[in-house]
Amino acid sequence: MTREGIRIYEPADFEGMRKASQVTARILDEIAEHVFVGQTTEEIDRIIEAKVTEYGSTSATIGYKGYKHASCISINHVVCHGIPGPKTLKDGDILNIDVTVIVDGWFGDSSRMYVAGKLSRKAERLIQVTHDALMIGIEQVKPGKTFGDIGHAIQSYVEGHRMSVVRDFCGHGVGKVFHAPPNVLHYGRPGTGAVLEEGMIFTIEPMVNLGRPETKVLADDWTAVTRDKSLSAQFEHSVGVTADGVDIFTLSPGGLFHPTYSQD
């Protein structure tokens, strides 16, 4: 069943989504120890691809529109869709790692931030605001709310900390397909957009810049960067609307979703 072009899944479908999402979350937990100064992003991707196979899943990104890697790895001022390569991580680099796997036809999609070496104060603040903005957006997810409510909550929080929300990329419907309606904007006005209903499944994945929100895509047709070269961060969960709230499918099994939690 669909509503305004948005697929409505049955409660039983949530288990399939949860299974795929937990493979993604486990891989993102286990890759943390491989993020360090001197490491290359292509080696991180190689390890991710091996883990995708180890857990009996399939990469959703290898072969997607010609893409050749099991992850997107976006460093510092790269907003999203960074391509793994021979570049080595430097002390203080922050990076978003985005992984999507397919298990029994279900797509588990998530990303989170990592740090190589010592985290600078401004990067730490950016990461914290971005993480909290995602969770504040997720708090809006329940039947009767709108997608505009989600975007407004994220935008208000981010701009209240004198940072900016990227407009050029958004969350999306997910489930039995990689990308589907709706577009989940991370800015907006309360009460606007489609109304949330039980059974909807989608990602929320705010990208937040320390500077201005404008981005540009490089000549490789994938890598998106901040136009002003300011730092950017992103966190992403796949969620489902339940009868009375939200099911976050991609929760970290080890409590490692935030890069500094493991250091507590």
C-alpha atoms as a PDB file:
ATOM      1  CA  MET A   1       0.000   0.000   0.000  1.00  0.00           C
ATOM      2  CA  THR A   2       1.202   3.540  -0.703  1.00  0.00           C
ATOM      3  CA  ARG A   3       0.151   6.949   0.547  1.00  0.00           C
ATOM      4  CA  GLU A   4       1.153  10.029  -1.492  1.00  0.00           C
ATOM      5  CA  GLY A   5       3.644   7.764  -3.284  1.00  0.00           C
ATOM      6  CA  ILE A   6       5.145   6.600   0.025  1.00  0.00           C
ATOM      7  CA  ARG A   7       5.062   2.865   0.635  1.00  0.00           C
ATOM      8  CA  ILE A   8       3.367   1.670   3.824  1.00  0.00           C
ATOM      9  CA  TYR A   9       4.979  -1.498   5.180  1.00  0.00           C
ATOM     10  CA  GLU A  10       3.354  -4.076   7.437  1.00  0.00           C
ATOM     11  CA  PRO A  11       4.530  -4.492  11.055  1.00  0.00           C
ATOM     12  CA  ALA A  12       6.006  -7.894  10.153  1.00  0.00           C
ATOM     13  CA  ASP A  13       8.225  -6.188   7.563  1.00  0.00           C
ATOM     14  CA  PHE A  14      10.038  -4.281  10.290  1.00  0.00           C
ATOM     15  CA  GLU A  15      11.908  -7.419  11.338  1.00  0.00           C
ATOM     16  CA  GLY A  16      13.467  -7.781   7.883  1.00  0.00           C
ATOM     17  CA  MET A  17      14.468  -4.136   7.942  1.00  0.00           C
ATOM     18  CA  ARG A  18      15.916  -4.503  11.421  1.00  0.00           C
ATOM     19  CA  LYS A  19      17.991  -7.526  10.420  1.00  0.00           C
ATOM     20  CA  ALA A  20      19.606  -5.737   7.459  1.00  0.00           C
ATOM     21  CA  SER A  21      20.114  -2.548   9.446  1.00  0.00           C
ATOM     22  CA  GLN A  22      21.844  -4.357  12.286  1.00  0.00           C
ATOM     23  CA  VAL A  23      24.376  -5.833   9.850  1.00  0.00           C
ATOM     24  CA  THR A  24      25.178  -2.280   8.745  1.00  0.00           C
ATOM     25  CA  ALA A  25      25.389  -1.068  12.333  1.00  0.00           C
ATOM     26  CA  ARG A  26      27.678  -3.932  13.328  1.00  0.00           C
ATOM     27  CA  ILE A  27      30.020  -3.201  10.416  1.00  0.00           C
ATOM     28  CA  LEU A  28      30.137   0.481  11.392  1.00  0.00           C
ATOM     29  CA  ASP A  29      30.942  -0.540  14.986  1.00  0.00           C
ATOM     30  CA  GLU A  30      33.747  -2.840  13.896  1.00  0.00           C
ATOM     31  CA  ILE A  31      35.356  -0.394  11.472  1.00  0.00           C
ATOM     32  CA  ALA A  32      36.061   2.120  14.258  1.00  0.00           C
ATOM     33  CA  GLU A  33      39.352   0.481  15.249  1.00  0.00           C
ATOM     34  CA  HIS A  34      40.567   0.762  11.658  1.00  0.00           C
ATOM     35  CA  VAL A  35      40.251   4.568  11.590  1.00  0.00           C
ATOM     36  CA  PHE A  36      43.634   6.021  12.613  1.00  0.00           C
ATOM     37  CA  VAL A  37      46.317   8.445  11.477  1.00  0.00           C
ATOM     38  CA  GLY A  38      48.161   7.013   8.456  1.00  0.00           C
ATOM     39  CA  GLN A  39      45.320   4.721   7.407  1.00  0.00           C
ATOM     40  CA  THR A  40      43.956   5.026   3.863  1.00  0.00           C
ATOM     41  CA  THR A  41      40.286   5.273   3.042  1.00  0.00           C
ATOM     42  CA  GLU A  42      40.646   2.559   0.388  1.00  0.00           C
ATOM     43  CA  GLU A  43      41.891   0.155   3.077  1.00  0.00           C
ATOM     44  CA  ILE A  44      38.928   1.046   5.280  1.00  0.00           C
ATOM     45  CA  ASP A  45      36.629   0.335   2.332  1.00  0.00           C
ATOM     46  CA  ARG A  46      38.385  -2.974   1.632  1.00  0.00           C
ATOM     47  CA  ILE A  47      37.747  -4.057   5.230  1.00  0.00           C
ATOM     48  CA  ILE A  48      34.105  -2.964   4.980  1.00  0.00           C
ATOM     49  CA  GLU A  49      33.619  -4.953   1.771  1.00  0.00           C
ATOM     50  CA  ALA A  50      35.093  -8.053   3.445  1.00  0.00           C
ATOM     51  CA  LYS A  51      32.729  -7.633   6.403  1.00  0.00           C
ATOM     52  CA  VAL A  52      29.721  -7.227   4.094  1.00  0.00           C
ATOM     53  CA  THR A  53      30.549 -10.658   2.658  1.00  0.00           C
ATOM     54  CA  GLU A  54      31.404 -12.152   6.058  1.00  0.00           C
ATOM     55  CA  TYR A  55      27.935 -11.321   7.362  1.00  0.00           C
ATOM     56  CA  GLY A  56      26.191 -12.903   4.380  1.00  0.00           C
ATOM     57  CA  SER A  57      24.970  -9.599   2.987  1.00  0.00           C
ATOM     58  CA  THR A  58      25.433  -7.751  -0.301  1.00  0.00           C
ATOM     59  CA  SER A  59      26.735  -4.233  -0.819  1.00  0.00           C
ATOM     60  CA  ALA A  60      24.031  -1.895  -2.121  1.00  0.00           C
ATOM     61  CA  THR A  61      26.573   0.611  -3.418  1.00  0.00           C
ATOM     62  CA  ILE A  62      28.922  -1.572  -5.493  1.00  0.00           C
ATOM     63  CA  GLY A  63      27.557  -1.222  -9.018  1.00  0.00           C
ATOM     64  CA  TYR A  64      25.021   1.452  -8.057  1.00  0.00           C
ATOM     65  CA  LYS A  65      25.124   3.977 -10.942  1.00  0.00           C
ATOM     66  CA  GLY A  66      28.631   2.720 -11.699  1.00  0.00           C
ATOM     67  CA  TYR A  67      29.969   3.184  -8.150  1.00  0.00           C
ATOM     68  CA  LYS A  68      32.737   0.707  -7.299  1.00  0.00           C
ATOM     69  CA  HIS A  69      33.007   0.761  -3.497  1.00  0.00           C
ATOM     70  CA  ALA A  70      31.254  -0.712  -0.446  1.00  0.00           C
ATOM     71  CA  SER A  71      31.185   2.640   1.345  1.00  0.00           C
ATOM     72  CA  CYS A  72      31.310   6.371   0.911  1.00  0.00           C
ATOM     73  CA  ILE A  73      33.992   8.008   3.070  1.00  0.00           C
ATOM     74  CA  SER A  74      33.796  11.784   3.363  1.00  0.00           C
ATOM     75  CA  ILE A  75      36.673  13.652   5.049  1.00  0.00           C
ATOM     76  CA  ASN A  76      36.586  17.139   6.615  1.00  0.00           C
ATOM     77  CA  HIS A  77      34.973  19.520   4.071  1.00  0.00           C
ATOM     78  CA  VAL A  78      33.545  16.662   1.987  1.00  0.00           C
ATOM     79  CA  VAL A  79      29.810  16.715   2.682  1.00  0.00           C
ATOM     80  CA  CYS A  80      28.892  13.289   1.302  1.00  0.00           C
ATOM     81  CA  HIS A  81      29.643  10.657  -1.364  1.00  0.00           C
ATOM     82  CA  GLY A  82      33.408  10.775  -0.828  1.00  0.00           C
ATOM     83  CA  ILE A  83      35.158   8.041  -2.843  1.00  0.00           C
ATOM     84  CA  PRO A  84      37.637   5.784  -0.976  1.00  0.00           C
ATOM     85  CA  GLY A  85      41.179   6.111  -2.285  1.00  0.00           C
ATOM     86  CA  PRO A  86      44.897   6.174  -1.426  1.00  0.00           C
ATOM     87  CA  LYS A  87      44.748   9.370   0.648  1.00  0.00           C
ATOM     88  CA  THR A  88      46.040   8.800   4.194  1.00  0.00           C
ATOM     89  CA  LEU A  89      44.259  10.148   7.246  1.00  0.00           C
ATOM     90  CA  LYS A  90      45.971  12.980   9.125  1.00  0.00           C
ATOM     91  CA  ASP A  91      45.806  13.863  12.803  1.00  0.00           C
ATOM     92  CA  GLY A  92      42.507  15.604  13.497  1.00  0.00           C
ATOM     93  CA  ASP A  93      40.713  14.466  10.331  1.00  0.00           C
ATOM     94  CA  ILE A  94      37.004  13.820  10.787  1.00  0.00           C
ATOM     95  CA  LEU A  95      35.229  11.464   8.428  1.00  0.00           C
ATOM     96  CA  ASN A  96      31.758  10.181   7.735  1.00  0.00           C
ATOM     97  CA  ILE A  97      31.497   6.527   6.726  1.00  0.00           C
ATOM     98  CA  ASP A  98      28.260   5.566   4.979  1.00  0.00           C
ATOM     99  CA  VAL A  99      27.388   1.887   4.435  1.00  0.00           C
ATOM    100  CA  THR A 100      24.303   0.216   2.959  1.00  0.00           C
ATOM    101  CA  VAL A 101      23.869  -3.550   2.820  1.00  0.00           C
ATOM    102  CA  ILE A 102      21.140  -5.802   1.447  1.00  0.00           C
ATOM    103  CA  VAL A 103      19.901  -8.767   3.488  1.00  0.00           C
ATOM    104  CA  ASP A 104      17.007 -10.863   2.142  1.00  0.00           C
ATOM    105  CA  GLY A 105      15.991  -7.964  -0.097  1.00  0.00           C
ATOM    106  CA  TRP A 106      16.014  -5.341   2.669  1.00  0.00           C
ATOM    107  CA  PHE A 107      18.322  -2.309   2.570  1.00  0.00           C
ATOM    108  CA  GLY A 108      20.051  -1.271   5.795  1.00  0.00           C
ATOM    109  CA  ASP A 109      21.432   2.267   5.417  1.00  0.00           C
ATOM    110  CA  SER A 110      23.402   4.215   8.028  1.00  0.00           C
ATOM    111  CA  SER A 111      26.357   6.549   8.443  1.00  0.00           C
ATOM    112  CA  ARG A 112      28.265   8.040  11.333  1.00  0.00           C
ATOM    113  CA  MET A 113      31.306  10.156  12.143  1.00  0.00           C
ATOM    114  CA  TYR A 114      34.819   8.964  13.039  1.00  0.00           C
ATOM    115  CA  VAL A 115      37.986  10.765  14.095  1.00  0.00           C
ATOM    116  CA  ALA A 116      41.639  10.083  13.255  1.00  0.00           C
ATOM    117  CA  GLY A 117      43.916  11.190  16.083  1.00  0.00           C
ATOM    118  CA  LYS A 118      43.017  14.130  18.310  1.00  0.00           C
ATOM    119  CA  LEU A 119      39.703  15.865  17.801  1.00  0.00           C
ATOM    120  CA  SER A 120      39.802  19.668  17.555  1.00  0.00           C
ATOM    121  CA  ARG A 121      37.362  21.688  19.638  1.00  0.00           C
ATOM    122  CA  LYS A 122      35.510  23.103  16.626  1.00  0.00           C
ATOM    123  CA  ALA A 123      35.206  19.657  15.006  1.00  0.00           C
ATOM    124  CA  GLU A 124      33.992  18.177  18.283  1.00  0.00           C
ATOM    125  CA  ARG A 125      31.303  20.842  18.533  1.00  0.00           C
ATOM    126  CA  LEU A 126      30.220  20.258  14.915  1.00  0.00           C
ATOM    127  CA  ILE A 127      29.973  16.508  15.441  1.00  0.00           C
ATOM    128  CA  GLN A 128      27.970  16.931  18.639  1.00  0.00           C
ATOM    129  CA  VAL A 129      25.496  19.373  17.096  1.00  0.00           C
ATOM    130  CA  THR A 130      25.024  17.138  14.042  1.00  0.00           C
ATOM    131  CA  HIS A 131      24.452  14.036  16.179  1.00  0.00           C
ATOM    132  CA  ASP A 132      21.993  15.845  18.428  1.00  0.00           C
ATOM    133  CA  ALA A 133      20.174  17.354  15.438  1.00  0.00           C
ATOM    134  CA  LEU A 134      19.562  13.847  14.062  1.00  0.00           C
ATOM    135  CA  MET A 135      18.191  12.621  17.377  1.00  0.00           C
ATOM    136  CA  ILE A 136      15.989  15.728  17.745  1.00  0.00           C
ATOM    137  CA  GLY A 137      14.636  15.064  14.262  1.00  0.00           C
ATOM    138  CA  ILE A 138      13.933  11.431  15.153  1.00  0.00           C
ATOM    139  CA  GLU A 139      11.976  12.593  18.219  1.00  0.00           C
ATOM    140  CA  GLN A 140       9.432  14.090  15.795  1.00  0.00           C
ATOM    141  CA  VAL A 141       8.722  10.719  14.193  1.00  0.00           C
ATOM    142  CA  LYS A 142       5.269   9.452  15.176  1.00  0.00           C
ATOM    143  CA  PRO A 143       1.906   9.105  13.437  1.00  0.00           C
ATOM    144  CA  GLY A 144       0.229  12.457  12.815  1.00  0.00           C
ATOM    145  CA  LYS A 145       3.442  14.456  12.608  1.00  0.00           C
ATOM    146  CA  THR A 146       4.682  15.735   9.240  1.00  0.00           C
ATOM    147  CA  PHE A 147       7.985  15.606   7.406  1.00  0.00           C
ATOM    148  CA  GLY A 148       8.103  19.377   7.790  1.00  0.00           C
ATOM    149  CA  ASP A 149       8.094  18.890  11.560  1.00  0.00           C
ATOM    150  CA  ILE A 150      11.237  16.745  11.258  1.00  0.00           C
ATOM    151  CA  GLY A 151      13.029  19.265   9.046  1.00  0.00           C
ATOM    152  CA  HIS A 152      12.043  22.237  11.189  1.00  0.00           C
ATOM    153  CA  ALA A 153      13.286  20.584  14.385  1.00  0.00           C
ATOM    154  CA  ILE A 154      16.675  19.834  12.802  1.00  0.00           C
ATOM    155  CA  GLN A 155      17.046  23.249  11.155  1.00  0.00           C
ATOM    156  CA  SER A 156      16.078  25.180  14.295  1.00  0.00           C
ATOM    157  CA  TYR A 157      18.557  23.285  16.443  1.00  0.00           C
ATOM    158  CA  VAL A 158      21.454  23.591  13.976  1.00  0.00           C
ATOM    159  CA  GLU A 159      20.938  27.276  13.219  1.00  0.00           C
ATOM    160  CA  GLY A 160      20.551  27.946  16.935  1.00  0.00           C
ATOM    161  CA  HIS A 161      24.178  26.822  17.227  1.00  0.00           C
ATOM    162  CA  ARG A 162      25.241  29.154  14.368  1.00  0.00           C
ATOM    163  CA  MET A 163      25.832  26.324  11.917  1.00  0.00           C
ATOM    164  CA  SER A 164      24.019  25.537   8.654  1.00  0.00           C
ATOM    165  CA  VAL A 165      21.982  22.641   7.254  1.00  0.00           C
ATOM    166  CA  VAL A 166      22.881  21.422   3.765  1.00  0.00           C
ATOM    167  CA  ARG A 167      19.922  21.859   1.382  1.00  0.00           C
ATOM    168  CA  ASP A 168      21.288  19.977  -1.633  1.00  0.00           C
ATOM    169  CA  PHE A 169      20.955  16.453  -0.181  1.00  0.00           C
ATOM    170  CA  CYS A 170      18.261  14.805   1.902  1.00  0.00           C
ATOM    171  CA  GLY A 171      17.034  11.603   3.491  1.00  0.00           C
ATOM    172  CA  HIS A 172      14.841   9.179   1.562  1.00  0.00           C
ATOM    173  CA  GLY A 173      12.428   6.310   1.713  1.00  0.00           C
ATOM    174  CA  VAL A 174      14.124   2.931   2.129  1.00  0.00           C
ATOM    175  CA  GLY A 175      13.094  -0.672   2.720  1.00  0.00           C
ATOM    176  CA  LYS A 176      12.823  -3.088  -0.191  1.00  0.00           C
ATOM    177  CA  VAL A 177      14.476  -0.446  -2.396  1.00  0.00           C
ATOM    178  CA  PHE A 178      17.555   1.726  -1.854  1.00  0.00           C
ATOM    179  CA  HIS A 179      15.981   5.099  -2.594  1.00  0.00           C
ATOM    180  CA  ALA A 180      12.247   5.798  -2.744  1.00  0.00           C
ATOM    181  CA  PRO A 181       9.787   8.567  -1.855  1.00  0.00           C
ATOM    182  CA  PRO A 182       9.646  10.613   0.247  1.00  0.00           C
ATOM    183  CA  ASN A 183      12.513  13.080   0.155  1.00  0.00           C
ATOM    184  CA  VAL A 184      13.226  13.762   3.828  1.00  0.00           C
ATOM    185  CA  LEU A 185      14.386  17.377   4.026  1.00  0.00           C
ATOM    186  CA  HIS A 186      16.444  18.508   7.024  1.00  0.00           C
ATOM    187  CA  TYR A 187      14.885  21.968   7.010  1.00  0.00           C
ATOM    188  CA  GLY A 188      11.340  23.206   6.662  1.00  0.00           C
ATOM    189  CA  ARG A 189       8.209  24.545   8.299  1.00  0.00           C
ATOM    190  CA  PRO A 190       6.111  22.764  10.934  1.00  0.00           C
ATOM    191  CA  GLY A 191       2.934  21.138   9.684  1.00  0.00           C
ATOM    192  CA  THR A 192       4.044  20.963   6.048  1.00  0.00           C
ATOM    193  CA  GLY A 193       4.733  17.929   3.872  1.00  0.00           C
ATOM    194  CA  ALA A 194       3.232  14.464   3.997  1.00  0.00           C
ATOM    195  CA  VAL A 195       1.750  13.214   7.259  1.00  0.00           C
ATOM    196  CA  LEU A 196       3.628  10.382   8.952  1.00  0.00           C
ATOM    197  CA  GLU A 197       1.784   7.074   9.182  1.00  0.00           C
ATOM    198  CA  GLU A 198       2.549   3.762  10.830  1.00  0.00           C
ATOM    199  CA  GLY A 199       4.519   1.591   8.397  1.00  0.00           C
ATOM    200  CA  MET A 200       6.557   4.305   6.696  1.00  0.00           C
ATOM    201  CA  ILE A 201      10.313   3.574   6.536  1.00  0.00           C
ATOM    202  CA  PHE A 202      12.909   6.212   5.662  1.00  0.00           C
ATOM    203  CA  THR A 203      16.314   7.662   6.521  1.00  0.00           C
ATOM    204  CA  ILE A 204      17.054  10.861   8.395  1.00  0.00           C
ATOM    205  CA  GLU A 205      20.616  11.990   7.659  1.00  0.00           C
ATOM    206  CA  PRO A 206      21.330  15.675   8.313  1.00  0.00           C
ATOM    207  CA  MET A 207      24.519  17.159   6.884  1.00  0.00           C
ATOM    208  CA  VAL A 208      25.692  20.150   8.901  1.00  0.00           C
ATOM    209  CA  ASN A 209      28.372  22.691   7.950  1.00  0.00           C
ATOM    210  CA  LEU A 210      30.398  24.948  10.228  1.00  0.00           C
ATOM    211  CA  GLY A 211      30.143  27.601   7.518  1.00  0.00           C
ATOM    212  CA  ARG A 212      27.584  28.254   4.823  1.00  0.00           C
ATOM    213  CA  PRO A 213      25.222  25.540   3.492  1.00  0.00           C
ATOM    214  CA  GLU A 214      26.191  25.668  -0.204  1.00  0.00           C
ATOM    215  CA  THR A 215      27.866  22.631  -1.760  1.00  0.00           C
ATOM    216  CA  LYS A 216      29.377  21.693  -5.116  1.00  0.00           C
ATOM    217  CA  VAL A 217      29.959  18.316  -6.753  1.00  0.00           C
ATOM    218  CA  LEU A 218      33.482  17.649  -8.029  1.00  0.00           C
ATOM    219  CA  ALA A 219      34.434  16.441 -11.514  1.00  0.00           C
ATOM    220  CA  ASP A 220      34.132  12.772 -10.450  1.00  0.00           C
ATOM    221  CA  ASP A 221      30.324  13.348 -10.337  1.00  0.00           C
ATOM    222  CA  TRP A 222      30.146  11.894  -6.815  1.00  0.00           C
ATOM    223  CA  THR A 223      32.121  13.885  -4.250  1.00  0.00           C
ATOM    224  CA  ALA A 224      30.166  16.802  -2.757  1.00  0.00           C
ATOM    225  CA  VAL A 225      32.138  19.462  -0.841  1.00  0.00           C
ATOM    226  CA  THR A 226      31.343  22.678   0.995  1.00  0.00           C
ATOM    227  CA  ARG A 227      31.801  25.658  -1.318  1.00  0.00           C
ATOM    228  CA  ASP A 228      33.519  27.660   1.435  1.00  0.00           C
ATOM    229  CA  LYS A 229      35.745  24.705   2.483  1.00  0.00           C
ATOM    230  CA  SER A 230      34.244  24.676   5.979  1.00  0.00           C
ATOM    231  CA  LEU A 231      34.062  21.418   7.924  1.00  0.00           C
ATOM    232  CA  SER A 232      30.971  19.244   7.426  1.00  0.00           C
ATOM    233  CA  ALA A 233      29.520  16.358   9.437  1.00  0.00           C
ATOM    234  CA  GLN A 234      26.668  13.876   8.988  1.00  0.00           C
ATOM    235  CA  PHE A 235      24.872  11.150  10.919  1.00  0.00           C
ATOM    236  CA  GLU A 236      22.233   8.828   9.454  1.00  0.00           C
ATOM    237  CA  HIS A 237      19.705   6.381  10.858  1.00  0.00           C
ATOM    238  CA  SER A 238      17.094   4.272   9.085  1.00  0.00           C
ATOM    239  CA  VAL A 239      13.803   4.486  10.986  1.00  0.00           C
ATOM    240  CA  GLY A 240      10.267   3.151  10.831  1.00  0.00           C
ATOM    241  CA  VAL A 241       7.054   4.764  12.058  1.00  0.00           C
ATOM    242  CA  THR A 242       5.304   2.591  14.666  1.00  0.00           C
ATOM    243  CA  ALA A 243       1.787   2.864  16.079  1.00  0.00           C
ATOM    244  CA  ASP A 244       2.980   5.202  18.823  1.00  0.00           C
ATOM    245  CA  GLY A 245       6.420   6.440  17.789  1.00  0.00           C
ATOM    246  CA  VAL A 246       9.570   5.310  16.038  1.00  0.00           C
ATOM    247  CA  ASP A 247      11.755   2.232  15.600  1.00  0.00           C
ATOM    248  CA  ILE A 248      15.424   3.135  14.986  1.00  0.00           C
ATOM    249  CA  PHE A 249      16.675   0.156  12.973  1.00  0.00           C
ATOM    250  CA  THR A 250      20.353   1.125  12.757  1.00  0.00           C
ATOM    251  CA  LEU A 251      21.162   1.601  16.458  1.00  0.00           C
ATOM    252  CA  SER A 252      24.755   0.697  17.290  1.00  0.00           C
ATOM    253  CA  PRO A 253      24.977  -2.732  19.018  1.00  0.00           C
ATOM    254  CA  GLY A 254      28.051  -1.531  20.900  1.00  0.00           C
ATOM    255  CA  GLY A 255      26.834   1.964  21.742  1.00  0.00           C
ATOM    256  CA  LEU A 256      29.429   3.453  19.366  1.00  0.00           C
ATOM    257  CA  PHE A 257      27.246   5.615  17.143  1.00  0.00           C
ATOM    258  CA  HIS A 258      28.957   8.784  18.399  1.00  0.00           C
ATOM    259  CA  PRO A 259      32.759   8.735  17.895  1.00  0.00           C
ATOM    260  CA  THR A 260      33.615   9.790  21.439  1.00  0.00           C
ATOM    261  CA  TYR A 261      31.309   7.356  23.247  1.00  0.00           C
ATOM    262  CA  SER A 262      33.912   4.617  23.059  1.00  0.00           C
ATOM    263  CA  GLN A 263      36.370   6.871  24.883  1.00  0.00           C
ATOM    264  CA  ASP A 264      34.168   7.357  27.958  1.00  0.00           C
END
